[in-house]
Amino acid sequence: MEINQITETIIGCAIEVHKYLGPGLLESAYEECLVFELRDKGLKTERQVAVPVVYRDIKLDCGYRIDILVEDAVVIELKTVDGFNPVHEAQILTYMKFASKKTGLLINFNVTILKNGIKRYRY
């Protein structure tokens, strides 16, 4: 599956979850439901993938985790916040860099219309 098809499928699944649950729940609830939807569509999906911090060519386990990794290619960072701020963008870009992934989706479920809570990144 091509990367654009993967991201389209992810966004479609996220919209389905948001339609069903609406805004206002904890991030963990959206994560659980989104993973269910993605796997139901046949996508390889991993939760809470460890991301080591690389410092001076040394990998350090500092407890950072990618919320969802799809098809070993797309980093998904979930939020339930009033709005994105620069630290959210920095977080997903850092995860993408340290995990050597070129595509990421930042998804905020705490919005009325989900398309207003999705940002796509290419590294």
PDB file of N, CA and C in Angstrom:
ATOM      1  N   MET A   1       0.848  -1.179   0.000  1.00  0.00           N
ATOM      2  CA  MET A   1       0.000   0.000   0.000  1.00  0.00           C
ATOM      3  C   MET A   1       0.894   1.242   0.000  1.00  0.00           C
ATOM      4  N   GLU A   2       0.567   2.207  -0.826  1.00  0.00           N
ATOM      5  CA  GLU A   2       1.334   3.444  -0.935  1.00  0.00           C
ATOM      6  C   GLU A   2       1.048   4.351   0.271  1.00  0.00           C
ATOM      7  N   ILE A   3       1.991   5.212   0.616  1.00  0.00           N
ATOM      8  CA  ILE A   3       1.899   6.030   1.832  1.00  0.00           C
ATOM      9  C   ILE A   3       0.655   6.911   1.850  1.00  0.00           C
ATOM     10  N   ASN A   4       0.277   7.486   0.707  1.00  0.00           N
ATOM     11  CA  ASN A   4      -0.929   8.321   0.674  1.00  0.00           C
ATOM     12  C   ASN A   4      -2.189   7.499   0.944  1.00  0.00           C
ATOM     13  N   GLN A   5      -2.219   6.262   0.459  1.00  0.00           N
ATOM     14  CA  GLN A   5      -3.357   5.373   0.737  1.00  0.00           C
ATOM     15  C   GLN A   5      -3.415   5.033   2.219  1.00  0.00           C
ATOM     16  N   ILE A   6      -2.247   4.817   2.806  1.00  0.00           N
ATOM     17  CA  ILE A   6      -2.195   4.506   4.238  1.00  0.00           C
ATOM     18  C   ILE A   6      -2.719   5.681   5.049  1.00  0.00           C
ATOM     19  N   THR A   7      -2.236   6.885   4.755  1.00  0.00           N
ATOM     20  CA  THR A   7      -2.684   8.054   5.533  1.00  0.00           C
ATOM     21  C   THR A   7      -4.166   8.339   5.308  1.00  0.00           C
ATOM     22  N   GLU A   8      -4.657   8.126   4.102  1.00  0.00           N
ATOM     23  CA  GLU A   8      -6.095   8.304   3.839  1.00  0.00           C
ATOM     24  C   GLU A   8      -6.919   7.319   4.665  1.00  0.00           C
ATOM     25  N   THR A   9      -6.453   6.089   4.740  1.00  0.00           N
ATOM     26  CA  THR A   9      -7.155   5.076   5.527  1.00  0.00           C
ATOM     27  C   THR A   9      -7.128   5.435   7.009  1.00  0.00           C
ATOM     28  N   ILE A  10      -5.980   5.888   7.488  1.00  0.00           N
ATOM     29  CA  ILE A  10      -5.859   6.296   8.896  1.00  0.00           C
ATOM     30  C   ILE A  10      -6.839   7.425   9.201  1.00  0.00           C
ATOM     31  N   ILE A  11      -6.862   8.438   8.338  1.00  0.00           N
ATOM     32  CA  ILE A  11      -7.748   9.584   8.559  1.00  0.00           C
ATOM     33  C   ILE A  11      -9.208   9.142   8.527  1.00  0.00           C
ATOM     34  N   GLY A  12      -9.551   8.265   7.593  1.00  0.00           N
ATOM     35  CA  GLY A  12     -10.912   7.748   7.538  1.00  0.00           C
ATOM     36  C   GLY A  12     -11.302   7.014   8.811  1.00  0.00           C
ATOM     37  N   CYS A  13     -10.384   6.205   9.324  1.00  0.00           N
ATOM     38  CA  CYS A  13     -10.628   5.485  10.581  1.00  0.00           C
ATOM     39  C   CYS A  13     -10.781   6.453  11.747  1.00  0.00           C
ATOM     40  N   ALA A  14      -9.927   7.472  11.791  1.00  0.00           N
ATOM     41  CA  ALA A  14     -10.001   8.469  12.869  1.00  0.00           C
ATOM     42  C   ALA A  14     -11.340   9.210  12.820  1.00  0.00           C
ATOM     43  N   ILE A  15     -11.808   9.517  11.621  1.00  0.00           N
ATOM     44  CA  ILE A  15     -13.102  10.188  11.475  1.00  0.00           C
ATOM     45  C   ILE A  15     -14.221   9.289  11.987  1.00  0.00           C
ATOM     46  N   GLU A  16     -14.152   8.011  11.681  1.00  0.00           N
ATOM     47  CA  GLU A  16     -15.173   7.066  12.169  1.00  0.00           C
ATOM     48  C   GLU A  16     -15.190   7.026  13.700  1.00  0.00           C
ATOM     49  N   VAL A  17     -14.010   6.946  14.296  1.00  0.00           N
ATOM     50  CA  VAL A  17     -13.925   6.929  15.762  1.00  0.00           C
ATOM     51  C   VAL A  17     -14.513   8.209  16.339  1.00  0.00           C
ATOM     52  N   HIS A  18     -14.162   9.350  15.740  1.00  0.00           N
ATOM     53  CA  HIS A  18     -14.639  10.639  16.239  1.00  0.00           C
ATOM     54  C   HIS A  18     -16.151  10.771  16.070  1.00  0.00           C
ATOM     55  N   LYS A  19     -16.679  10.304  14.951  1.00  0.00           N
ATOM     56  CA  LYS A  19     -18.137  10.349  14.732  1.00  0.00           C
ATOM     57  C   LYS A  19     -18.859   9.563  15.815  1.00  0.00           C
ATOM     58  N   TYR A  20     -18.296   8.424  16.161  1.00  0.00           N
ATOM     59  CA  TYR A  20     -18.949   7.547  17.126  1.00  0.00           C
ATOM     60  C   TYR A  20     -18.799   8.055  18.564  1.00  0.00           C
ATOM     61  N   LEU A  21     -17.587   8.475  18.932  1.00  0.00           N
ATOM     62  CA  LEU A  21     -17.325   8.864  20.320  1.00  0.00           C
ATOM     63  C   LEU A  21     -17.518  10.344  20.591  1.00  0.00           C
ATOM     64  N   GLY A  22     -17.252  11.185  19.574  1.00  0.00           N
ATOM     65  CA  GLY A  22     -17.295  12.630  19.785  1.00  0.00           C
ATOM     66  C   GLY A  22     -16.094  13.100  20.591  1.00  0.00           C
ATOM     67  N   PRO A  23     -15.994  14.396  20.838  1.00  0.00           N
ATOM     68  CA  PRO A  23     -14.885  14.931  21.631  1.00  0.00           C
ATOM     69  C   PRO A  23     -15.136  14.732  23.125  1.00  0.00           C
ATOM     70  N   GLY A  24     -14.079  14.924  23.919  1.00  0.00           N
ATOM     71  CA  GLY A  24     -14.238  14.975  25.370  1.00  0.00           C
ATOM     72  C   GLY A  24     -13.757  13.784  26.161  1.00  0.00           C
ATOM     73  N   LEU A  25     -13.264  12.732  25.486  1.00  0.00           N
ATOM     74  CA  LEU A  25     -12.770  11.565  26.222  1.00  0.00           C
ATOM     75  C   LEU A  25     -11.260  11.652  26.412  1.00  0.00           C
ATOM     76  N   LEU A  26     -10.717  10.712  27.140  1.00  0.00           N
ATOM     77  CA  LEU A  26      -9.281  10.634  27.332  1.00  0.00           C
ATOM     78  C   LEU A  26      -8.606  10.120  26.061  1.00  0.00           C
ATOM     79  N   GLU A  27      -7.371  10.529  25.870  1.00  0.00           N
ATOM     80  CA  GLU A  27      -6.586  10.094  24.710  1.00  0.00           C
ATOM     81  C   GLU A  27      -6.539   8.572  24.592  1.00  0.00           C
ATOM     82  N   SER A  28      -6.438   7.877  25.720  1.00  0.00           N
ATOM     83  CA  SER A  28      -6.326   6.418  25.705  1.00  0.00           C
ATOM     84  C   SER A  28      -7.556   5.749  25.087  1.00  0.00           C
ATOM     85  N   ALA A  29      -8.732   6.316  25.264  1.00  0.00           N
ATOM     86  CA  ALA A  29      -9.944   5.752  24.670  1.00  0.00           C
ATOM     87  C   ALA A  29      -9.893   5.869  23.150  1.00  0.00           C
ATOM     88  N   TYR A  30      -9.479   7.022  22.654  1.00  0.00           N
ATOM     89  CA  TYR A  30      -9.371   7.204  21.203  1.00  0.00           C
ATOM     90  C   TYR A  30      -8.290   6.293  20.622  1.00  0.00           C
ATOM     91  N   GLU A  31      -7.197   6.134  21.348  1.00  0.00           N
ATOM     92  CA  GLU A  31      -6.113   5.261  20.887  1.00  0.00           C
ATOM     93  C   GLU A  31      -6.614   3.827  20.736  1.00  0.00           C
ATOM     94  N   GLU A  32      -7.290   3.331  21.742  1.00  0.00           N
ATOM     95  CA  GLU A  32      -7.804   1.958  21.717  1.00  0.00           C
ATOM     96  C   GLU A  32      -8.756   1.755  20.537  1.00  0.00           C
ATOM     97  N   CYS A  33      -9.667   2.684  20.348  1.00  0.00           N
ATOM     98  CA  CYS A  33     -10.657   2.556  19.271  1.00  0.00           C
ATOM     99  C   CYS A  33     -10.018   2.724  17.896  1.00  0.00           C
ATOM    100  N   LEU A  34      -9.081   3.651  17.758  1.00  0.00           N
ATOM    101  CA  LEU A  34      -8.421   3.855  16.477  1.00  0.00           C
ATOM    102  C   LEU A  34      -7.593   2.634  16.092  1.00  0.00           C
ATOM    103  N   VAL A  35      -6.898   2.048  17.040  1.00  0.00           N
ATOM    104  CA  VAL A  35      -6.135   0.829  16.771  1.00  0.00           C
ATOM    105  C   VAL A  35      -7.075  -0.288  16.312  1.00  0.00           C
ATOM    106  N   PHE A  36      -8.218  -0.414  16.965  1.00  0.00           N
ATOM    107  CA  PHE A  36      -9.201  -1.418  16.549  1.00  0.00           C
ATOM    108  C   PHE A  36      -9.616  -1.195  15.097  1.00  0.00           C
ATOM    109  N   GLU A  37      -9.944   0.039  14.745  1.00  0.00           N
ATOM    110  CA  GLU A  37     -10.377   0.361  13.375  1.00  0.00           C
ATOM    111  C   GLU A  37      -9.272   0.082  12.352  1.00  0.00           C
ATOM    112  N   LEU A  38      -8.047   0.476  12.675  1.00  0.00           N
ATOM    113  CA  LEU A  38      -6.927   0.284  11.751  1.00  0.00           C
ATOM    114  C   LEU A  38      -6.665  -1.201  11.506  1.00  0.00           C
ATOM    115  N   ARG A  39      -6.684  -1.977  12.567  1.00  0.00           N
ATOM    116  CA  ARG A  39      -6.468  -3.425  12.425  1.00  0.00           C
ATOM    117  C   ARG A  39      -7.622  -4.067  11.674  1.00  0.00           C
ATOM    118  N   ASP A  40      -8.825  -3.556  11.894  1.00  0.00           N
ATOM    119  CA  ASP A  40      -9.996  -4.065  11.181  1.00  0.00           C
ATOM    120  C   ASP A  40      -9.881  -3.824   9.673  1.00  0.00           C
ATOM    121  N   LYS A  41      -9.146  -2.785   9.297  1.00  0.00           N
ATOM    122  CA  LYS A  41      -8.906  -2.479   7.876  1.00  0.00           C
ATOM    123  C   LYS A  41      -7.700  -3.252   7.334  1.00  0.00           C
ATOM    124  N   GLY A  42      -7.077  -4.069   8.183  1.00  0.00           N
ATOM    125  CA  GLY A  42      -5.962  -4.900   7.743  1.00  0.00           C
ATOM    126  C   GLY A  42      -4.603  -4.238   7.805  1.00  0.00           C
ATOM    127  N   LEU A  43      -4.506  -3.096   8.485  1.00  0.00           N
ATOM    128  CA  LEU A  43      -3.215  -2.415   8.593  1.00  0.00           C
ATOM    129  C   LEU A  43      -2.422  -2.920   9.794  1.00  0.00           C
ATOM    130  N   LYS A  44      -1.132  -3.114   9.581  1.00  0.00           N
ATOM    131  CA  LYS A  44      -0.235  -3.487  10.689  1.00  0.00           C
ATOM    132  C   LYS A  44      -0.132  -2.269  11.606  1.00  0.00           C
ATOM    133  N   THR A  45      -0.484  -2.474  12.853  1.00  0.00           N
ATOM    134  CA  THR A  45      -0.571  -1.364  13.798  1.00  0.00           C
ATOM    135  C   THR A  45       0.087  -1.744  15.115  1.00  0.00           C
ATOM    136  N   GLU A  46       0.991  -0.876  15.586  1.00  0.00           N
ATOM    137  CA  GLU A  46       1.658  -1.079  16.873  1.00  0.00           C
ATOM    138  C   GLU A  46       1.332   0.094  17.784  1.00  0.00           C
ATOM    139  N   ARG A  47       1.155  -0.201  19.064  1.00  0.00           N
ATOM    140  CA  ARG A  47       0.847   0.836  20.059  1.00  0.00           C
ATOM    141  C   ARG A  47       2.042   1.078  20.961  1.00  0.00           C
ATOM    142  N   GLN A  48       2.179   2.317  21.387  1.00  0.00           N
ATOM    143  CA  GLN A  48       3.172   2.709  22.388  1.00  0.00           C
ATOM    144  C   GLN A  48       4.563   2.169  22.045  1.00  0.00           C
ATOM    145  N   VAL A  49       5.034   2.521  20.868  1.00  0.00           N
ATOM    146  CA  VAL A  49       6.336   2.067  20.373  1.00  0.00           C
ATOM    147  C   VAL A  49       7.442   2.932  20.985  1.00  0.00           C
ATOM    148  N   ALA A  50       8.398   2.291  21.644  1.00  0.00           N
ATOM    149  CA  ALA A  50       9.496   3.018  22.288  1.00  0.00           C
ATOM    150  C   ALA A  50      10.335   3.760  21.254  1.00  0.00           C
ATOM    151  N   VAL A  51      10.678   4.993  21.593  1.00  0.00           N
ATOM    152  CA  VAL A  51      11.520   5.819  20.731  1.00  0.00           C
ATOM    153  C   VAL A  51      12.726   6.258  21.559  1.00  0.00           C
ATOM    154  N   PRO A  52      13.886   5.695  21.268  1.00  0.00           N
ATOM    155  CA  PRO A  52      15.068   6.122  22.025  1.00  0.00           C
ATOM    156  C   PRO A  52      15.515   7.513  21.590  1.00  0.00           C
ATOM    157  N   VAL A  53      16.087   8.249  22.515  1.00  0.00           N
ATOM    158  CA  VAL A  53      16.685   9.541  22.207  1.00  0.00           C
ATOM    159  C   VAL A  53      18.121   9.269  21.755  1.00  0.00           C
ATOM    160  N   VAL A  54      18.485   9.829  20.612  1.00  0.00           N
ATOM    161  CA  VAL A  54      19.840   9.646  20.109  1.00  0.00           C
ATOM    162  C   VAL A  54      20.661  10.876  20.472  1.00  0.00           C
ATOM    163  N   TYR A  55      21.673  10.649  21.274  1.00  0.00           N
ATOM    164  CA  TYR A  55      22.551  11.732  21.723  1.00  0.00           C
ATOM    165  C   TYR A  55      23.990  11.313  21.457  1.00  0.00           C
ATOM    166  N   ARG A  56      24.677  12.074  20.623  1.00  0.00           N
ATOM    167  CA  ARG A  56      26.071  11.788  20.283  1.00  0.00           C
ATOM    168  C   ARG A  56      26.241  10.333  19.837  1.00  0.00           C
ATOM    169  N   ASP A  57      25.360   9.903  18.948  1.00  0.00           N
ATOM    170  CA  ASP A  57      25.373   8.556  18.380  1.00  0.00           C
ATOM    171  C   ASP A  57      25.096   7.448  19.393  1.00  0.00           C
ATOM    172  N   ILE A  58      24.563   7.811  20.545  1.00  0.00           N
ATOM    173  CA  ILE A  58      24.198   6.821  21.558  1.00  0.00           C
ATOM    174  C   ILE A  58      22.683   6.856  21.729  1.00  0.00           C
ATOM    175  N   LYS A  59      22.061   5.675  21.703  1.00  0.00           N
ATOM    176  CA  LYS A  59      20.619   5.581  21.919  1.00  0.00           C
ATOM    177  C   LYS A  59      20.346   5.466  23.412  1.00  0.00           C
ATOM    178  N   LEU A  60      19.534   6.395  23.909  1.00  0.00           N
ATOM    179  CA  LEU A  60      19.186   6.429  25.322  1.00  0.00           C
ATOM    180  C   LEU A  60      17.686   6.187  25.481  1.00  0.00           C
ATOM    181  N   ASP A  61      17.316   5.261  26.329  1.00  0.00           N
ATOM    182  CA  ASP A  61      15.901   5.005  26.573  1.00  0.00           C
ATOM    183  C   ASP A  61      15.420   5.986  27.635  1.00  0.00           C
ATOM    184  N   CYS A  62      14.666   6.986  27.180  1.00  0.00           N
ATOM    185  CA  CYS A  62      14.165   8.015  28.091  1.00  0.00           C
ATOM    186  C   CYS A  62      12.656   7.926  28.305  1.00  0.00           C
ATOM    187  N   GLY A  63      12.056   6.853  27.827  1.00  0.00           N
ATOM    188  CA  GLY A  63      10.633   6.661  28.068  1.00  0.00           C
ATOM    189  C   GLY A  63       9.702   7.303  27.057  1.00  0.00           C
ATOM    190  N   TYR A  64      10.224   7.800  25.943  1.00  0.00           N
ATOM    191  CA  TYR A  64       9.349   8.381  24.921  1.00  0.00           C
ATOM    192  C   TYR A  64       8.708   7.268  24.112  1.00  0.00           C
ATOM    193  N   ARG A  65       7.447   7.489  23.719  1.00  0.00           N
ATOM    194  CA  ARG A  65       6.707   6.459  22.997  1.00  0.00           C
ATOM    195  C   ARG A  65       5.837   7.080  21.912  1.00  0.00           C
ATOM    196  N   ILE A  66       5.860   6.443  20.734  1.00  0.00           N
ATOM    197  CA  ILE A  66       4.952   6.801  19.656  1.00  0.00           C
ATOM    198  C   ILE A  66       3.593   6.209  20.029  1.00  0.00           C
ATOM    199  N   ASP A  67       2.539   7.003  19.964  1.00  0.00           N
ATOM    200  CA  ASP A  67       1.210   6.480  20.308  1.00  0.00           C
ATOM    201  C   ASP A  67       0.848   5.296  19.418  1.00  0.00           C
ATOM    202  N   ILE A  68       0.914   5.509  18.097  1.00  0.00           N
ATOM    203  CA  ILE A  68       0.573   4.436  17.154  1.00  0.00           C
ATOM    204  C   ILE A  68       1.528   4.509  15.966  1.00  0.00           C
ATOM    205  N   LEU A  69       2.033   3.363  15.549  1.00  0.00           N
ATOM    206  CA  LEU A  69       2.859   3.252  14.348  1.00  0.00           C
ATOM    207  C   LEU A  69       2.127   2.324  13.383  1.00  0.00           C
ATOM    208  N   VAL A  70       1.861   2.822  12.166  1.00  0.00           N
ATOM    209  CA  VAL A  70       1.083   2.069  11.186  1.00  0.00           C
ATOM    210  C   VAL A  70       1.969   1.654  10.020  1.00  0.00           C
ATOM    211  N   GLU A  71       1.907   0.366   9.696  1.00  0.00           N
ATOM    212  CA  GLU A  71       2.654  -0.202   8.572  1.00  0.00           C
ATOM    213  C   GLU A  71       4.147   0.122   8.639  1.00  0.00           C
ATOM    214  N   ASP A  72       4.654   0.278   9.857  1.00  0.00           N
ATOM    215  CA  ASP A  72       6.063   0.602  10.091  1.00  0.00           C
ATOM    216  C   ASP A  72       6.491   1.839   9.294  1.00  0.00           C
ATOM    217  N   ALA A  73       5.523   2.737   9.017  1.00  0.00           N
ATOM    218  CA  ALA A  73       5.819   3.886   8.168  1.00  0.00           C
ATOM    219  C   ALA A  73       5.219   5.201   8.653  1.00  0.00           C
ATOM    220  N   VAL A  74       4.069   5.164   9.303  1.00  0.00           N
ATOM    221  CA  VAL A  74       3.373   6.394   9.680  1.00  0.00           C
ATOM    222  C   VAL A  74       3.284   6.499  11.203  1.00  0.00           C
ATOM    223  N   VAL A  75       3.833   7.598  11.725  1.00  0.00           N
ATOM    224  CA  VAL A  75       3.774   7.905  13.151  1.00  0.00           C
ATOM    225  C   VAL A  75       2.474   8.660  13.412  1.00  0.00           C
ATOM    226  N   ILE A  76       1.707   8.183  14.381  1.00  0.00           N
ATOM    227  CA  ILE A  76       0.487   8.894  14.775  1.00  0.00           C
ATOM    228  C   ILE A  76       0.657   9.344  16.216  1.00  0.00           C
ATOM    229  N   GLU A  77       0.480  10.629  16.422  1.00  0.00           N
ATOM    230  CA  GLU A  77       0.504  11.198  17.763  1.00  0.00           C
ATOM    231  C   GLU A  77      -0.890  11.726  18.049  1.00  0.00           C
ATOM    232  N   LEU A  78      -1.527  11.191  19.083  1.00  0.00           N
ATOM    233  CA  LEU A  78      -2.884  11.579  19.430  1.00  0.00           C
ATOM    234  C   LEU A  78      -2.888  12.627  20.534  1.00  0.00           C
ATOM    235  N   LYS A  79      -3.854  13.517  20.448  1.00  0.00           N
ATOM    236  CA  LYS A  79      -4.027  14.559  21.457  1.00  0.00           C
ATOM    237  C   LYS A  79      -5.510  14.729  21.758  1.00  0.00           C
ATOM    238  N   THR A  80      -5.798  15.223  22.939  1.00  0.00           N
ATOM    239  CA  THR A  80      -7.130  15.689  23.316  1.00  0.00           C
ATOM    240  C   THR A  80      -6.932  17.028  24.020  1.00  0.00           C
ATOM    241  N   VAL A  81      -6.653  18.039  23.207  1.00  0.00           N
ATOM    242  CA  VAL A  81      -6.303  19.360  23.714  1.00  0.00           C
ATOM    243  C   VAL A  81      -7.200  20.421  23.078  1.00  0.00           C
ATOM    244  N   ASP A  82      -7.195  21.629  23.659  1.00  0.00           N
ATOM    245  CA  ASP A  82      -8.003  22.717  23.108  1.00  0.00           C
ATOM    246  C   ASP A  82      -7.524  23.129  21.716  1.00  0.00           C
ATOM    247  N   GLY A  83      -6.244  22.998  21.465  1.00  0.00           N
ATOM    248  CA  GLY A  83      -5.679  23.327  20.163  1.00  0.00           C
ATOM    249  C   GLY A  83      -4.210  22.951  20.134  1.00  0.00           C
ATOM    250  N   PHE A  84      -3.689  22.768  18.936  1.00  0.00           N
ATOM    251  CA  PHE A  84      -2.268  22.446  18.805  1.00  0.00           C
ATOM    252  C   PHE A  84      -1.426  23.652  19.190  1.00  0.00           C
ATOM    253  N   ASN A  85      -0.248  23.362  19.741  1.00  0.00           N
ATOM    254  CA  ASN A  85       0.723  24.421  19.971  1.00  0.00           C
ATOM    255  C   ASN A  85       2.078  23.930  19.471  1.00  0.00           C
ATOM    256  N   PRO A  86       3.059  24.793  19.389  1.00  0.00           N
ATOM    257  CA  PRO A  86       4.349  24.398  18.800  1.00  0.00           C
ATOM    258  C   PRO A  86       4.998  23.169  19.430  1.00  0.00           C
ATOM    259  N   VAL A  87       4.772  22.913  20.700  1.00  0.00           N
ATOM    260  CA  VAL A  87       5.400  21.751  21.332  1.00  0.00           C
ATOM    261  C   VAL A  87       4.829  20.447  20.763  1.00  0.00           C
ATOM    262  N   HIS A  88       3.571  20.438  20.351  1.00  0.00           N
ATOM    263  CA  HIS A  88       2.994  19.233  19.746  1.00  0.00           C
ATOM    264  C   HIS A  88       3.661  18.926  18.411  1.00  0.00           C
ATOM    265  N   GLU A  89       3.878  19.963  17.615  1.00  0.00           N
ATOM    266  CA  GLU A  89       4.570  19.784  16.348  1.00  0.00           C
ATOM    267  C   GLU A  89       6.007  19.327  16.576  1.00  0.00           C
ATOM    268  N   ALA A  90       6.683  19.937  17.527  1.00  0.00           N
ATOM    269  CA  ALA A  90       8.061  19.544  17.842  1.00  0.00           C
ATOM    270  C   ALA A  90       8.106  18.081  18.287  1.00  0.00           C
ATOM    271  N   GLN A  91       7.115  17.665  19.060  1.00  0.00           N
ATOM    272  CA  GLN A  91       7.071  16.287  19.555  1.00  0.00           C
ATOM    273  C   GLN A  91       6.971  15.293  18.405  1.00  0.00           C
ATOM    274  N   ILE A  92       6.023  15.479  17.500  1.00  0.00           N
ATOM    275  CA  ILE A  92       5.865  14.500  16.421  1.00  0.00           C
ATOM    276  C   ILE A  92       7.060  14.528  15.477  1.00  0.00           C
ATOM    277  N   LEU A  93       7.605  15.709  15.191  1.00  0.00           N
ATOM    278  CA  LEU A  93       8.774  15.775  14.318  1.00  0.00           C
ATOM    279  C   LEU A  93       9.990  15.090  14.946  1.00  0.00           C
ATOM    280  N   THR A  94      10.134  15.216  16.245  1.00  0.00           N
ATOM    281  CA  THR A  94      11.235  14.545  16.942  1.00  0.00           C
ATOM    282  C   THR A  94      11.048  13.031  16.914  1.00  0.00           C
ATOM    283  N   TYR A  95       9.836  12.565  17.175  1.00  0.00           N
ATOM    284  CA  TYR A  95       9.560  11.127  17.112  1.00  0.00           C
ATOM    285  C   TYR A  95       9.852  10.589  15.720  1.00  0.00           C
ATOM    286  N   MET A  96       9.426  11.320  14.695  1.00  0.00           N
ATOM    287  CA  MET A  96       9.670  10.894  13.317  1.00  0.00           C
ATOM    288  C   MET A  96      11.175  10.817  13.042  1.00  0.00           C
ATOM    289  N   LYS A  97      11.899  11.804  13.502  1.00  0.00           N
ATOM    290  CA  LYS A  97      13.356  11.836  13.275  1.00  0.00           C
ATOM    291  C   LYS A  97      14.042  10.670  13.973  1.00  0.00           C
ATOM    292  N   PHE A  98      13.779  10.493  15.262  1.00  0.00           N
ATOM    293  CA  PHE A  98      14.449   9.441  16.020  1.00  0.00           C
ATOM    294  C   PHE A  98      14.027   8.038  15.590  1.00  0.00           C
ATOM    295  N   ALA A  99      12.795   7.901  15.071  1.00  0.00           N
ATOM    296  CA  ALA A  99      12.315   6.598  14.604  1.00  0.00           C
ATOM    297  C   ALA A  99      12.613   6.383  13.115  1.00  0.00           C
ATOM    298  N   SER A 100      13.214   7.378  12.479  1.00  0.00           N
ATOM    299  CA  SER A 100      13.535   7.325  11.038  1.00  0.00           C
ATOM    300  C   SER A 100      12.296   7.055  10.180  1.00  0.00           C
ATOM    301  N   LYS A 101      11.223   7.782  10.478  1.00  0.00           N
ATOM    302  CA  LYS A 101       9.975   7.684   9.707  1.00  0.00           C
ATOM    303  C   LYS A 101       9.724   9.021   9.025  1.00  0.00           C
ATOM    304  N   LYS A 102       9.266   8.967   7.789  1.00  0.00           N
ATOM    305  CA  LYS A 102       9.111  10.184   6.999  1.00  0.00           C
ATOM    306  C   LYS A 102       7.730  10.812   7.062  1.00  0.00           C
ATOM    307  N   THR A 103       6.753  10.073   7.565  1.00  0.00           N
ATOM    308  CA  THR A 103       5.374  10.567   7.564  1.00  0.00           C
ATOM    309  C   THR A 103       4.780  10.482   8.959  1.00  0.00           C
ATOM    310  N   GLY A 104       4.055  11.543   9.325  1.00  0.00           N
ATOM    311  CA  GLY A 104       3.401  11.559  10.628  1.00  0.00           C
ATOM    312  C   GLY A 104       2.060  12.258  10.569  1.00  0.00           C
ATOM    313  N   LEU A 105       1.159  11.842  11.444  1.00  0.00           N
ATOM    314  CA  LEU A 105      -0.139  12.487  11.599  1.00  0.00           C
ATOM    315  C   LEU A 105      -0.325  12.885  13.052  1.00  0.00           C
ATOM    316  N   LEU A 106      -0.624  14.143  13.265  1.00  0.00           N
ATOM    317  CA  LEU A 106      -0.958  14.665  14.581  1.00  0.00           C
ATOM    318  C   LEU A 106      -2.477  14.814  14.588  1.00  0.00           C
ATOM    319  N   ILE A 107      -3.140  14.092  15.481  1.00  0.00           N
ATOM    320  CA  ILE A 107      -4.608  14.061  15.484  1.00  0.00           C
ATOM    321  C   ILE A 107      -5.121  14.498  16.851  1.00  0.00           C
ATOM    322  N   ASN A 108      -5.929  15.550  16.843  1.00  0.00           N
ATOM    323  CA  ASN A 108      -6.551  16.061  18.056  1.00  0.00           C
ATOM    324  C   ASN A 108      -8.037  15.708  18.031  1.00  0.00           C
ATOM    325  N   PHE A 109      -8.456  14.827  18.932  1.00  0.00           N
ATOM    326  CA  PHE A 109      -9.843  14.398  18.972  1.00  0.00           C
ATOM    327  C   PHE A 109     -10.747  15.369  19.734  1.00  0.00           C
ATOM    328  N   ASN A 110     -10.181  16.393  20.352  1.00  0.00           N
ATOM    329  CA  ASN A 110     -10.973  17.326  21.146  1.00  0.00           C
ATOM    330  C   ASN A 110     -11.433  18.518  20.294  1.00  0.00           C
ATOM    331  N   VAL A 111     -12.040  18.206  19.152  1.00  0.00           N
ATOM    332  CA  VAL A 111     -12.557  19.227  18.235  1.00  0.00           C
ATOM    333  C   VAL A 111     -13.958  18.814  17.799  1.00  0.00           C
ATOM    334  N   THR A 112     -14.724  19.782  17.301  1.00  0.00           N
ATOM    335  CA  THR A 112     -16.074  19.489  16.841  1.00  0.00           C
ATOM    336  C   THR A 112     -16.047  18.728  15.522  1.00  0.00           C
ATOM    337  N   ILE A 113     -15.197  19.169  14.595  1.00  0.00           N
ATOM    338  CA  ILE A 113     -15.044  18.518  13.287  1.00  0.00           C
ATOM    339  C   ILE A 113     -13.610  18.020  13.193  1.00  0.00           C
ATOM    340  N   LEU A 114     -13.437  16.709  13.048  1.00  0.00           N
ATOM    341  CA  LEU A 114     -12.093  16.127  13.148  1.00  0.00           C
ATOM    342  C   LEU A 114     -11.123  16.650  12.097  1.00  0.00           C
ATOM    343  N   LYS A 115     -11.593  16.957  10.891  1.00  0.00           N
ATOM    344  CA  LYS A 115     -10.659  17.440   9.869  1.00  0.00           C
ATOM    345  C   LYS A 115      -9.935  18.704  10.333  1.00  0.00           C
ATOM    346  N   ASN A 116     -10.520  19.444  11.275  1.00  0.00           N
ATOM    347  CA  ASN A 116      -9.861  20.625  11.847  1.00  0.00           C
ATOM    348  C   ASN A 116      -8.815  20.258  12.893  1.00  0.00           C
ATOM    349  N   GLY A 117      -8.740  18.976  13.242  1.00  0.00           N
ATOM    350  CA  GLY A 117      -7.803  18.523  14.265  1.00  0.00           C
ATOM    351  C   GLY A 117      -6.746  17.574  13.727  1.00  0.00           C
ATOM    352  N   ILE A 118      -6.499  17.624  12.418  1.00  0.00           N
ATOM    353  CA  ILE A 118      -5.515  16.716  11.821  1.00  0.00           C
ATOM    354  C   ILE A 118      -4.452  17.517  11.082  1.00  0.00           C
ATOM    355  N   LYS A 119      -3.186  17.192  11.364  1.00  0.00           N
ATOM    356  CA  LYS A 119      -2.060  17.786  10.631  1.00  0.00           C
ATOM    357  C   LYS A 119      -1.172  16.659  10.153  1.00  0.00           C
ATOM    358  N   ARG A 120      -0.770  16.736   8.900  1.00  0.00           N
ATOM    359  CA  ARG A 120       0.112  15.727   8.287  1.00  0.00           C
ATOM    360  C   ARG A 120       1.504  16.313   8.159  1.00  0.00           C
ATOM    361  N   TYR A 121       2.504  15.500   8.451  1.00  0.00           N
ATOM    362  CA  TYR A 121       3.895  15.939   8.390  1.00  0.00           C
ATOM    363  C   TYR A 121       4.706  15.007   7.512  1.00  0.00           C
ATOM    364  N   ARG A 122       5.631  15.597   6.771  1.00  0.00           N
ATOM    365  CA  ARG A 122       6.628  14.848   5.996  1.00  0.00           C
ATOM    366  C   ARG A 122       7.987  15.321   6.458  1.00  0.00           C
ATOM    367  N   TYR A 123       8.859  14.400   6.774  1.00  0.00           N
ATOM    368  CA  TYR A 123      10.195  14.737   7.274  1.00  0.00           C
ATOM    369  C   TYR A 123      11.178  14.625   6.138  1.00  0.00           C
TER     370      TYR A 123
END
